[in-house]
């Protein structure tokens, strides 16, 4: 069995040791989590943060999914149909 942890970039993760979580499973992060920690997979659907992630080159080095991948920047499209919610 594979265990996964889904984390945002808010203060609720402040006292969580992400390195200890990584020892137990995969870490899926959202939005600006990458600024503090590099998850196994990063997902962002907000246009501004998604553009930032691609602009700085994060998506060329790490697994990143977004609704609007920019050609040649390494991002992957979100695999499910989008219904208008972030």
Protein backbone atom coordinates (compact mmCIF):
# COMPACT_ATOMS: atom_id res chain seq x y z
CA UNK A 1 0.00 0.00 0.00
CA UNK A 2 1.23 3.49 -0.84
CA UNK A 3 0.43 6.27 1.59
CA UNK A 4 0.07 9.85 0.39
CA UNK A 5 -0.13 13.14 2.23
CA UNK A 6 -1.79 16.20 0.67
CA UNK A 7 -0.54 19.49 2.05
CA UNK A 8 -1.39 23.11 1.47
CA UNK A 9 0.86 26.06 2.11
CA UNK A 10 -1.07 27.51 5.06
CA UNK A 11 -0.20 27.76 8.73
CA UNK A 12 -1.92 24.47 9.60
CA UNK A 13 1.26 22.61 8.58
CA UNK A 14 3.50 24.82 10.71
CA UNK A 15 4.35 22.13 13.30
CA UNK A 16 4.49 19.19 10.89
CA UNK A 17 7.90 17.71 10.13
CA UNK A 18 7.62 17.12 6.39
CA UNK A 19 10.82 15.07 6.26
CA UNK A 20 9.26 12.58 8.70
CA UNK A 21 6.14 12.38 6.52
CA UNK A 22 8.25 11.70 3.44
CA UNK A 23 9.67 8.62 5.18
CA UNK A 24 6.10 7.27 5.43
CA UNK A 25 4.73 8.11 1.99
CA UNK A 26 4.44 10.47 -0.93
CA UNK A 27 3.86 14.16 -0.38
CA UNK A 28 1.48 16.02 -2.67
CA UNK A 29 1.68 19.78 -2.23
CA UNK A 30 -0.46 22.68 -3.30
CA UNK A 31 0.38 26.13 -4.59
CA UNK A 32 3.24 27.90 -2.76
CA UNK A 33 4.31 24.92 -0.62
CA UNK A 34 7.33 24.66 -2.95
CA UNK A 35 8.71 27.90 -1.48
CA UNK A 36 9.37 26.09 1.83
CA UNK A 37 9.53 22.43 0.83
CA UNK A 38 9.77 20.41 -2.37
CA UNK A 39 6.97 17.82 -2.42
CA UNK A 40 6.96 14.69 -4.59
CA UNK A 41 4.18 16.25 -6.66
CA UNK A 42 3.05 19.89 -6.72
CA UNK A 43 -0.38 21.00 -7.98
CA UNK A 44 -1.60 24.55 -8.60
CA UNK A 45 -4.72 25.66 -10.43
CA UNK A 46 -4.50 29.37 -9.62
CA UNK A 47 -3.22 31.21 -12.70
CA UNK A 48 -0.80 33.54 -10.88
CA UNK A 49 0.94 30.92 -8.73
CA UNK A 50 0.99 28.48 -11.64
CA UNK A 51 2.70 31.05 -13.86
CA UNK A 52 5.22 31.81 -11.09
CA UNK A 53 6.07 28.12 -10.63
CA UNK A 54 6.70 27.74 -14.36
CA UNK A 55 8.52 31.07 -14.75
CA UNK A 56 11.13 30.28 -12.09
CA UNK A 57 11.87 26.87 -13.62
CA UNK A 58 10.49 24.70 -10.80
CA UNK A 59 8.39 22.67 -13.24
CA UNK A 60 11.45 21.71 -15.30
CA UNK A 61 13.12 20.11 -12.26
CA UNK A 62 10.14 18.76 -10.31
CA UNK A 63 6.76 17.10 -10.98
CA UNK A 64 4.15 19.87 -11.36
CA UNK A 65 0.52 19.75 -12.53
CA UNK A 66 -1.63 22.71 -13.54
CA UNK A 67 -4.67 23.57 -15.66
CA UNK A 68 -2.55 25.80 -17.90
CA UNK A 69 0.85 24.23 -18.59
CA UNK A 70 3.09 26.50 -20.64
CA UNK A 71 4.78 24.82 -23.57
CA UNK A 72 8.38 23.88 -22.93
CA UNK A 73 8.30 24.63 -19.19
CA UNK A 74 7.95 21.04 -17.98
CA UNK A 75 4.50 21.34 -16.41
CA UNK A 76 1.88 18.60 -16.84
CA UNK A 77 -1.84 19.18 -17.41
CA UNK A 78 -4.20 18.26 -14.58
CA UNK A 79 -5.53 14.89 -15.78
CA UNK A 80 -9.19 15.39 -14.79
CA UNK A 81 -11.80 17.57 -16.46
CA UNK A 82 -11.97 21.02 -14.92
CA UNK A 83 -15.39 22.14 -13.59
CA UNK A 84 -14.59 25.75 -12.73
CA UNK A 85 -13.39 25.37 -9.14
CA UNK A 86 -9.86 25.65 -7.83
